[in-house]
Protein backbone atom coordinates (compact mmCIF):
# COMPACT_ATOMS: atom_id res chain seq x y z
CA MET A 1 6.78 -3.56 2.58
CA MET A 2 7.58 -6.66 0.22
CA PHE A 3 6.49 -10.09 1.11
CA PHE A 4 7.35 -11.88 -1.72
CA ARG A 5 10.69 -11.50 -3.96
CA ARG A 6 10.41 -10.82 -7.08
CA MET A 7 10.92 -13.40 -10.12
CA ASN A 8 13.81 -13.54 -12.44
CA GLU A 9 12.98 -14.02 -16.06
CA LYS A 10 12.95 -18.22 -16.02
CA GLU A 11 9.82 -17.93 -13.85
CA LYS A 12 7.84 -15.29 -15.49
CA LYS A 13 8.08 -17.67 -18.29
CA ASN A 14 7.39 -20.95 -16.05
CA SER A 15 4.64 -19.62 -14.49
CA ILE A 16 2.74 -17.94 -17.84
CA ARG A 17 2.83 -21.59 -18.42
CA ALA A 18 1.74 -22.86 -15.71
CA VAL A 19 -1.24 -20.38 -16.35
CA LEU A 20 -2.22 -21.58 -19.39
CA LEU A 21 -2.43 -25.42 -18.86
CA GLY A 22 -4.37 -24.64 -15.68
CA PHE A 23 -7.20 -22.69 -17.89
CA TYR A 24 -6.62 -25.71 -20.44
CA THR A 25 -7.21 -27.85 -17.47
CA TYR A 26 -10.46 -25.78 -16.35
CA MET A 27 -12.02 -25.98 -19.84
CA ILE A 28 -11.51 -29.46 -20.28
CA VAL A 29 -12.85 -30.65 -16.94
CA SER A 30 -15.72 -28.37 -17.40
CA PHE A 31 -15.95 -29.64 -20.76
CA ILE A 32 -16.33 -33.30 -19.90
CA ASN A 33 -18.53 -32.39 -16.81
CA PHE A 34 -21.08 -30.06 -19.22
CA PHE A 35 -21.71 -33.29 -21.97
CA PHE A 36 -21.87 -35.59 -18.95
CA TYR A 37 -24.37 -33.90 -17.60
CA LEU A 38 -26.16 -33.57 -21.36
CA LEU A 39 -25.91 -37.08 -21.66
CA VAL A 40 -26.65 -38.52 -17.51
CA GLU A 41 -28.00 -35.41 -16.57
CA LYS A 42 -25.80 -35.62 -13.31
CA GLU A 43 -22.94 -33.91 -12.79
CA LEU A 44 -19.74 -35.71 -13.01
CA PHE A 45 -17.72 -33.89 -10.96
CA SER A 46 -18.41 -31.51 -7.83
CA SER A 47 -17.27 -27.70 -8.56
CA ALA A 48 -15.05 -28.20 -5.99
CA ILE A 49 -13.26 -30.52 -8.27
CA VAL A 50 -12.82 -28.43 -10.92
CA PHE A 51 -11.74 -25.88 -8.81
CA TRP A 52 -8.62 -27.47 -6.75
CA SER A 53 -8.08 -29.58 -10.68
CA GLY A 54 -6.84 -26.52 -12.46
CA LEU A 55 -4.87 -24.67 -9.30
CA LEU A 56 -2.95 -27.87 -8.41
CA VAL A 57 -1.83 -27.88 -12.13
CA TYR A 58 -0.68 -24.39 -11.81
CA PHE A 59 1.17 -25.18 -8.83
CA GLY A 60 2.50 -28.45 -9.68
CA TYR A 61 3.54 -27.44 -13.52
CA SER A 62 5.11 -24.04 -12.25
CA ALA A 63 7.13 -26.47 -9.45
CA TYR A 64 8.04 -28.53 -11.65
CA LEU A 65 8.97 -26.08 -14.45
CA ASP A 66 11.24 -24.23 -11.32
CA LEU A 67 13.07 -27.48 -10.33
CA LYS A 68 13.90 -28.08 -14.04
CA ASP A 69 15.94 -25.00 -14.56
CA LYS A 70 17.38 -24.75 -11.37
CA LYS A 71 19.00 -28.40 -12.03
CA LYS A 72 19.69 -26.96 -15.38
CA SER A 73 21.23 -24.20 -14.23
CA ALA A 74 23.13 -26.32 -11.18
CA ARG A 75 24.45 -29.25 -14.07
CA SER A 76 25.83 -26.45 -16.55
CA ARG A 77 27.70 -24.27 -14.01
CA ASP A 78 29.53 -27.31 -11.96
CA GLY A 79 29.86 -28.62 -15.90
CA SER A 80 32.06 -25.35 -16.58
């Protein structure tokens, strides 16, 4: 039994791009948090904010890329 439909090639490509951006977000937020802790001895971001920031960036960017591709394909279909 399959719960989700299979992703097409464009959706796979968009998902990989979003994963990379989400990972970089985790790294940047963790970097800022770590150096803030070294300077002030207090965390700037809670662990929940670090966690949710990466997830929100992943899902948001993935949805943005998918919508952009759908609009682009709809325009090319209507124009031809």
